[in-house]
Amino acid sequence: MLRHFTRLSRLTLAVAFLYVWLLSNGGKFIRAGLRHLVDRKDRRDLSLFQIGLRLPDRKLLNLLPVSPSLCAYL
């Protein structure tokens, strides 16, 4: 049972880090004024999480580098 617990706790930690990374990427993208690249201009449909989730897809589609920076303000 202890092995299942450690695997589950590692998975939970990885998902938490991914969530924070997506939120910080979405915030960085909005602060840079690039929200219109992934969201509609006439209305705001996407949340901060969804913007952060679509950003790596857009970069990979356009063959741009994806930076795994965890600090949102640099």
Protein backbone atom coordinates (compact mmCIF):
# COMPACT_ATOMS: atom_id res chain seq x y z
CA MET A 1 0.00 0.00 0.00
CA LEU A 2 2.88 2.37 0.64
CA ARG A 3 4.12 2.11 -2.96
CA HIS A 4 0.67 3.04 -4.30
CA PHE A 5 0.58 6.00 -1.92
CA THR A 6 3.97 7.35 -3.03
CA ARG A 7 3.06 6.95 -6.70
CA LEU A 8 -0.24 8.72 -6.14
CA SER A 9 1.41 11.54 -4.21
CA ARG A 10 4.00 12.00 -6.99
CA LEU A 11 1.27 12.08 -9.59
CA THR A 12 -0.68 14.63 -7.55
CA LEU A 13 2.42 16.79 -7.20
CA ALA A 14 3.12 16.58 -10.95
CA VAL A 15 -0.46 17.58 -11.78
CA ALA A 16 -0.25 20.49 -9.31
CA PHE A 17 2.99 21.71 -10.92
CA LEU A 18 1.45 21.41 -14.38
CA TYR A 19 -1.61 23.41 -13.27
CA VAL A 20 0.56 26.19 -11.81
CA TRP A 21 2.74 26.22 -14.94
CA LEU A 22 -0.29 26.54 -17.22
CA LEU A 23 -1.72 29.37 -15.12
CA SER A 24 1.58 31.25 -15.10
CA ASN A 25 1.99 30.79 -18.86
CA GLY A 26 -1.53 32.06 -19.45
CA GLY A 27 -0.88 35.09 -17.27
CA LYS A 28 2.42 35.81 -18.98
CA PHE A 29 0.75 35.52 -22.37
CA ILE A 30 -2.00 37.97 -21.41
CA ARG A 31 0.47 40.46 -19.89
CA ALA A 32 2.45 40.38 -23.13
CA GLY A 33 -0.70 41.43 -25.01
CA LEU A 34 -0.89 38.23 -27.06
CA ARG A 35 -4.26 36.96 -25.88
CA HIS A 36 -5.80 37.57 -29.29
CA LEU A 37 -3.62 34.80 -30.75
CA VAL A 38 -5.49 32.06 -28.86
CA ASP A 39 -8.79 33.72 -27.86
CA ARG A 40 -11.44 35.56 -29.80
CA LYS A 41 -11.05 39.32 -30.09
CA ASP A 42 -14.72 40.20 -29.91
CA ARG A 43 -15.37 38.32 -26.64
CA ARG A 44 -13.43 36.60 -23.88
CA ASP A 45 -14.35 32.90 -23.92
CA LEU A 46 -11.24 31.25 -22.50
CA SER A 47 -10.12 31.10 -18.89
CA LEU A 48 -6.55 31.67 -17.78
CA PHE A 49 -6.03 27.91 -17.56
CA GLN A 50 -7.38 27.33 -21.08
CA ILE A 51 -5.15 30.06 -22.51
CA GLY A 52 -2.13 28.46 -20.84
CA LEU A 53 -3.22 25.08 -22.20
CA ARG A 54 -3.59 26.31 -25.78
CA LEU A 55 -0.33 28.26 -25.79
CA PRO A 56 2.04 25.24 -26.06
CA ASP A 57 -0.17 23.74 -28.79
CA ARG A 58 0.04 26.95 -30.79
CA LYS A 59 3.79 27.17 -30.34
CA LEU A 60 4.33 23.55 -31.36
CA LEU A 61 2.06 23.98 -34.38
CA ASN A 62 4.07 27.01 -35.53
CA LEU A 63 7.41 25.31 -34.73
CA LEU A 64 8.26 27.84 -32.01
CA PRO A 65 10.19 26.87 -28.85
CA VAL A 66 8.16 26.08 -25.72
CA SER A 67 9.86 27.47 -22.63
CA PRO A 68 9.24 25.53 -19.40
CA SER A 69 9.77 28.55 -17.15
CA LEU A 70 8.02 28.26 -13.78
CA CYS A 71 8.56 31.90 -12.83
CA ALA A 72 5.76 34.00 -14.30
CA TYR A 73 7.42 37.39 -13.85
CA LEU A 74 10.69 36.85 -15.69
